[in-house]
Amino acid sequence: SFLFRLFPLREHGMNWRARPLTCQEIQAFRKSKEVMDRFIRAYKLMLGFYGINLVNEETGELERAQNWRERFENLNRFSHNNLRITRILKCLGEMGYEDYQVHLVKFFLTETLVEETLPNVKRSALDYFLFTVRSKEKRRELIHYAWQHFKPQSSFVWGPRDKLRRYR
């Protein structure tokens, strides 16, 4: 599949014929400037498809693209995009772009919980996107952010309430 080649993983995806990456292959990719440049181009391409712009290549900061309304409509209508986004997030982690993961997950948490523009992406953002973030500390921050904006807060099940209340 097209996405497997752009965002390879060390695990099987939906295409069982596609061979998972090895740790050695990942290390080789990460050492190649050409491969990493292509990876970022592919990431920007997919973000564009979803109505998102990469604002800063150093940090991974994102913003809505000009065509966000029509692209978000597509995201809300077709749930298979959520699987693709999960794959992209996992691959960002494999390729050493953990900060990019954090920005993309926070983008989706903001759009689903704060702006409420992507209601049909909310479950995936909370159940899958959040847990692709490799940094335990950053993942905790994102869970706390989600808890702060989740309505009703009493129904939030992604972390223990006592710890979420005390989180700093």
C-alpha atoms as a PDB file:
ATOM      1  CA  SER A   1       0.000   0.000   0.000  1.00  0.00           C
ATOM      2  CA  PHE A   2       0.993   3.603  -0.675  1.00  0.00           C
ATOM      3  CA  LEU A   3       0.938   4.579   3.013  1.00  0.00           C
ATOM      4  CA  PHE A   4       3.078   1.615   4.064  1.00  0.00           C
ATOM      5  CA  ARG A   5       5.898   2.805   1.818  1.00  0.00           C
ATOM      6  CA  LEU A   6       5.642   6.396   3.056  1.00  0.00           C
ATOM      7  CA  PHE A   7       5.215   5.528   6.745  1.00  0.00           C
ATOM      8  CA  PRO A   8       6.732   2.094   7.411  1.00  0.00           C
ATOM      9  CA  LEU A   9       6.490   0.463  10.849  1.00  0.00           C
ATOM     10  CA  ARG A  10       8.023  -2.401  12.794  1.00  0.00           C
ATOM     11  CA  GLU A  11       4.598  -4.035  13.035  1.00  0.00           C
ATOM     12  CA  HIS A  12       2.064  -5.456  10.610  1.00  0.00           C
ATOM     13  CA  GLY A  13      -0.604  -3.024   9.465  1.00  0.00           C
ATOM     14  CA  MET A  14      -3.776  -3.725   7.529  1.00  0.00           C
ATOM     15  CA  ASN A  15      -1.770  -5.050   4.547  1.00  0.00           C
ATOM     16  CA  TRP A  16      -0.417  -8.418   5.731  1.00  0.00           C
ATOM     17  CA  ARG A  17       1.718  -8.791   2.614  1.00  0.00           C
ATOM     18  CA  ALA A  18       3.734  -5.725   3.603  1.00  0.00           C
ATOM     19  CA  ARG A  19       6.886  -6.670   5.499  1.00  0.00           C
ATOM     20  CA  PRO A  20       7.484  -4.832   8.809  1.00  0.00           C
ATOM     21  CA  LEU A  21      10.679  -2.809   9.159  1.00  0.00           C
ATOM     22  CA  THR A  22      13.633  -4.054  11.153  1.00  0.00           C
ATOM     23  CA  CYS A  23      15.475  -1.956  13.744  1.00  0.00           C
ATOM     24  CA  GLN A  24      18.517  -1.933  11.428  1.00  0.00           C
ATOM     25  CA  GLU A  25      16.441  -0.528   8.561  1.00  0.00           C
ATOM     26  CA  ILE A  26      15.047   2.194  10.806  1.00  0.00           C
ATOM     27  CA  GLN A  27      18.558   3.157  11.910  1.00  0.00           C
ATOM     28  CA  ALA A  28      19.702   3.273   8.276  1.00  0.00           C
ATOM     29  CA  PHE A  29      16.723   5.470   7.344  1.00  0.00           C
ATOM     30  CA  ARG A  30      17.393   7.833  10.238  1.00  0.00           C
ATOM     31  CA  LYS A  31      21.037   8.254   9.171  1.00  0.00           C
ATOM     32  CA  SER A  32      20.118   9.128   5.574  1.00  0.00           C
ATOM     33  CA  LYS A  33      19.429  12.822   4.984  1.00  0.00           C
ATOM     34  CA  GLU A  34      17.737  11.979   1.666  1.00  0.00           C
ATOM     35  CA  VAL A  35      15.366   9.465   3.286  1.00  0.00           C
ATOM     36  CA  MET A  36      14.526  11.825   6.157  1.00  0.00           C
ATOM     37  CA  ASP A  37      13.912  14.736   3.760  1.00  0.00           C
ATOM     38  CA  ARG A  38      11.531  12.509   1.772  1.00  0.00           C
ATOM     39  CA  PHE A  39       9.855  11.432   4.999  1.00  0.00           C
ATOM     40  CA  ILE A  40       9.159  15.062   5.963  1.00  0.00           C
ATOM     41  CA  ARG A  41       7.864  15.776   2.443  1.00  0.00           C
ATOM     42  CA  ALA A  42       5.510  12.794   2.749  1.00  0.00           C
ATOM     43  CA  TYR A  43       4.401  13.991   6.200  1.00  0.00           C
ATOM     44  CA  LYS A  44       3.640  17.483   4.831  1.00  0.00           C
ATOM     45  CA  LEU A  45       1.749  15.919   1.913  1.00  0.00           C
ATOM     46  CA  MET A  46      -0.467  13.894   4.247  1.00  0.00           C
ATOM     47  CA  LEU A  47      -0.980  16.864   6.572  1.00  0.00           C
ATOM     48  CA  GLY A  48      -2.116  18.873   3.542  1.00  0.00           C
ATOM     49  CA  PHE A  49      -4.578  16.119   2.676  1.00  0.00           C
ATOM     50  CA  TYR A  50      -6.003  16.445   6.210  1.00  0.00           C
ATOM     51  CA  GLY A  51      -6.179  20.268   6.095  1.00  0.00           C
ATOM     52  CA  ILE A  52      -3.138  20.877   8.299  1.00  0.00           C
ATOM     53  CA  ASN A  53       0.083  22.856   7.709  1.00  0.00           C
ATOM     54  CA  LEU A  54       3.470  22.165   9.246  1.00  0.00           C
ATOM     55  CA  VAL A  55       4.435  25.649  10.465  1.00  0.00           C
ATOM     56  CA  ASN A  56       7.870  24.825  11.860  1.00  0.00           C
ATOM     57  CA  GLU A  57      10.049  21.898  10.739  1.00  0.00           C
ATOM     58  CA  GLU A  58      12.300  22.289  13.792  1.00  0.00           C
ATOM     59  CA  THR A  59       9.523  21.913  16.367  1.00  0.00           C
ATOM     60  CA  GLY A  60       6.716  20.192  14.459  1.00  0.00           C
ATOM     61  CA  GLU A  61       4.271  23.015  15.214  1.00  0.00           C
ATOM     62  CA  LEU A  62       1.030  22.820  13.214  1.00  0.00           C
ATOM     63  CA  GLU A  63      -1.905  24.990  12.182  1.00  0.00           C
ATOM     64  CA  ARG A  64      -5.075  24.618  10.163  1.00  0.00           C
ATOM     65  CA  ALA A  65      -4.582  24.969   6.411  1.00  0.00           C
ATOM     66  CA  GLN A  66      -6.728  27.379   4.394  1.00  0.00           C
ATOM     67  CA  ASN A  67      -8.829  24.473   3.100  1.00  0.00           C
ATOM     68  CA  TRP A  68      -9.342  22.989   6.585  1.00  0.00           C
ATOM     69  CA  ARG A  69     -13.162  23.056   6.487  1.00  0.00           C
ATOM     70  CA  GLU A  70     -13.495  20.812   3.440  1.00  0.00           C
ATOM     71  CA  ARG A  71     -10.625  18.550   4.560  1.00  0.00           C
ATOM     72  CA  PHE A  72     -12.063  18.191   8.091  1.00  0.00           C
ATOM     73  CA  GLU A  73     -15.383  17.246   6.494  1.00  0.00           C
ATOM     74  CA  ASN A  74     -13.522  14.385   4.789  1.00  0.00           C
ATOM     75  CA  LEU A  75     -11.865  13.380   8.094  1.00  0.00           C
ATOM     76  CA  ASN A  76     -15.236  13.345   9.847  1.00  0.00           C
ATOM     77  CA  ARG A  77     -16.897  11.326   7.099  1.00  0.00           C
ATOM     78  CA  PHE A  78     -14.298   8.600   6.506  1.00  0.00           C
ATOM     79  CA  SER A  79     -13.065   6.797   9.605  1.00  0.00           C
ATOM     80  CA  HIS A  80     -10.328   4.885   7.700  1.00  0.00           C
ATOM     81  CA  ASN A  81      -8.337   8.135   7.930  1.00  0.00           C
ATOM     82  CA  ASN A  82      -8.006   7.529  11.680  1.00  0.00           C
ATOM     83  CA  LEU A  83      -6.054   4.318  11.018  1.00  0.00           C
ATOM     84  CA  ARG A  84      -3.780   6.215   8.643  1.00  0.00           C
ATOM     85  CA  ILE A  85      -3.181   8.963  11.205  1.00  0.00           C
ATOM     86  CA  THR A  86      -2.342   6.350  13.857  1.00  0.00           C
ATOM     87  CA  ARG A  87       0.164   4.815  11.432  1.00  0.00           C
ATOM     88  CA  ILE A  88       1.728   8.216  10.702  1.00  0.00           C
ATOM     89  CA  LEU A  89       2.002   8.957  14.437  1.00  0.00           C
ATOM     90  CA  LYS A  90       3.693   5.609  15.124  1.00  0.00           C
ATOM     91  CA  CYS A  91       6.097   6.157  12.234  1.00  0.00           C
ATOM     92  CA  LEU A  92       6.981   9.656  13.507  1.00  0.00           C
ATOM     93  CA  GLY A  93       8.073   7.974  16.739  1.00  0.00           C
ATOM     94  CA  GLU A  94      10.103   5.331  14.885  1.00  0.00           C
ATOM     95  CA  MET A  95      11.880   7.987  12.834  1.00  0.00           C
ATOM     96  CA  GLY A  96      12.816  10.083  15.855  1.00  0.00           C
ATOM     97  CA  TYR A  97      10.197  12.802  15.427  1.00  0.00           C
ATOM     98  CA  GLU A  98       8.657  12.474  18.877  1.00  0.00           C
ATOM     99  CA  ASP A  99       8.044  16.245  19.106  1.00  0.00           C
ATOM    100  CA  TYR A 100       6.060  15.990  15.868  1.00  0.00           C
ATOM    101  CA  GLN A 101       3.938  13.265  17.491  1.00  0.00           C
ATOM    102  CA  VAL A 102       3.117  15.553  20.405  1.00  0.00           C
ATOM    103  CA  HIS A 103       2.087  18.442  18.140  1.00  0.00           C
ATOM    104  CA  LEU A 104      -0.082  16.237  15.926  1.00  0.00           C
ATOM    105  CA  VAL A 105      -1.850  14.595  18.867  1.00  0.00           C
ATOM    106  CA  LYS A 106      -2.392  17.970  20.562  1.00  0.00           C
ATOM    107  CA  PHE A 107      -3.725  19.352  17.274  1.00  0.00           C
ATOM    108  CA  PHE A 108      -6.338  16.589  17.125  1.00  0.00           C
ATOM    109  CA  LEU A 109      -7.187  16.885  20.829  1.00  0.00           C
ATOM    110  CA  THR A 110      -7.730  20.622  20.351  1.00  0.00           C
ATOM    111  CA  GLU A 111      -9.873  20.154  17.246  1.00  0.00           C
ATOM    112  CA  THR A 112     -11.959  17.366  18.817  1.00  0.00           C
ATOM    113  CA  LEU A 113     -12.321  18.537  22.433  1.00  0.00           C
ATOM    114  CA  VAL A 114     -11.880  22.337  22.338  1.00  0.00           C
ATOM    115  CA  GLU A 115     -12.965  23.462  18.852  1.00  0.00           C
ATOM    116  CA  GLU A 116     -15.303  20.474  18.374  1.00  0.00           C
ATOM    117  CA  THR A 117     -14.657  20.509  14.608  1.00  0.00           C
ATOM    118  CA  LEU A 118     -13.828  16.783  14.361  1.00  0.00           C
ATOM    119  CA  PRO A 119     -16.414  14.912  16.446  1.00  0.00           C
ATOM    120  CA  ASN A 120     -15.902  11.637  14.557  1.00  0.00           C
ATOM    121  CA  VAL A 121     -12.145  11.681  15.236  1.00  0.00           C
ATOM    122  CA  LYS A 122     -12.515  12.153  19.018  1.00  0.00           C
ATOM    123  CA  ARG A 123     -12.557   8.437  19.951  1.00  0.00           C
ATOM    124  CA  SER A 124      -9.470   7.703  17.852  1.00  0.00           C
ATOM    125  CA  ALA A 125      -7.646  10.754  19.228  1.00  0.00           C
ATOM    126  CA  LEU A 126      -8.296   9.574  22.785  1.00  0.00           C
ATOM    127  CA  ASP A 127      -8.055   5.790  22.324  1.00  0.00           C
ATOM    128  CA  TYR A 128      -5.201   5.570  19.810  1.00  0.00           C
ATOM    129  CA  PHE A 129      -3.450   8.824  18.863  1.00  0.00           C
ATOM    130  CA  LEU A 130      -2.656   9.707  22.497  1.00  0.00           C
ATOM    131  CA  PHE A 131      -0.985   6.369  23.157  1.00  0.00           C
ATOM    132  CA  THR A 132       1.374   6.525  20.182  1.00  0.00           C
ATOM    133  CA  VAL A 133       3.347   9.294  21.947  1.00  0.00           C
ATOM    134  CA  ARG A 134       6.586   7.697  23.104  1.00  0.00           C
ATOM    135  CA  SER A 135       7.573  10.155  25.814  1.00  0.00           C
ATOM    136  CA  LYS A 136       5.771   9.134  29.002  1.00  0.00           C
ATOM    137  CA  GLU A 137       6.037  12.694  30.315  1.00  0.00           C
ATOM    138  CA  LYS A 138       4.611  14.256  27.124  1.00  0.00           C
ATOM    139  CA  ARG A 139       1.888  11.596  26.994  1.00  0.00           C
ATOM    140  CA  ARG A 140       0.916  12.493  30.582  1.00  0.00           C
ATOM    141  CA  GLU A 141       0.774  16.188  29.628  1.00  0.00           C
ATOM    142  CA  LEU A 142      -1.493  15.363  26.688  1.00  0.00           C
ATOM    143  CA  ILE A 143      -3.756  13.163  28.830  1.00  0.00           C
ATOM    144  CA  HIS A 144      -4.031  16.019  31.338  1.00  0.00           C
ATOM    145  CA  TYR A 145      -4.810  18.451  28.495  1.00  0.00           C
ATOM    146  CA  ALA A 146      -7.503  16.064  27.206  1.00  0.00           C
ATOM    147  CA  TRP A 147      -8.975  15.700  30.709  1.00  0.00           C
ATOM    148  CA  GLN A 148      -9.109  19.494  31.144  1.00  0.00           C
ATOM    149  CA  HIS A 149     -11.174  19.850  27.957  1.00  0.00           C
ATOM    150  CA  PHE A 150     -13.244  16.657  28.044  1.00  0.00           C
ATOM    151  CA  LYS A 151     -16.967  17.059  28.687  1.00  0.00           C
ATOM    152  CA  PRO A 152     -18.252  15.801  31.029  1.00  0.00           C
ATOM    153  CA  GLN A 153     -15.008  15.506  32.981  1.00  0.00           C
ATOM    154  CA  SER A 154     -16.546  12.828  35.222  1.00  0.00           C
ATOM    155  CA  SER A 155     -16.731  10.494  32.195  1.00  0.00           C
ATOM    156  CA  PHE A 156     -13.027  10.774  31.362  1.00  0.00           C
ATOM    157  CA  VAL A 157     -11.552   7.253  31.528  1.00  0.00           C
ATOM    158  CA  TRP A 158      -8.015   7.757  30.160  1.00  0.00           C
ATOM    159  CA  GLY A 159      -6.361   8.356  33.524  1.00  0.00           C
ATOM    160  CA  PRO A 160      -7.061   8.196  37.260  1.00  0.00           C
ATOM    161  CA  ARG A 161      -8.964  11.330  38.371  1.00  0.00           C
ATOM    162  CA  ASP A 162      -6.953  11.819  41.574  1.00  0.00           C
ATOM    163  CA  LYS A 163      -3.681  11.911  39.599  1.00  0.00           C
ATOM    164  CA  LEU A 164      -5.183  14.142  36.886  1.00  0.00           C
ATOM    165  CA  ARG A 165      -6.316  16.649  39.535  1.00  0.00           C
ATOM    166  CA  ARG A 166      -2.860  16.730  41.140  1.00  0.00           C
ATOM    167  CA  TYR A 167      -0.938  16.835  37.856  1.00  0.00           C
ATOM    168  CA  ARG A 168       1.448  19.777  37.428  1.00  0.00           C
END
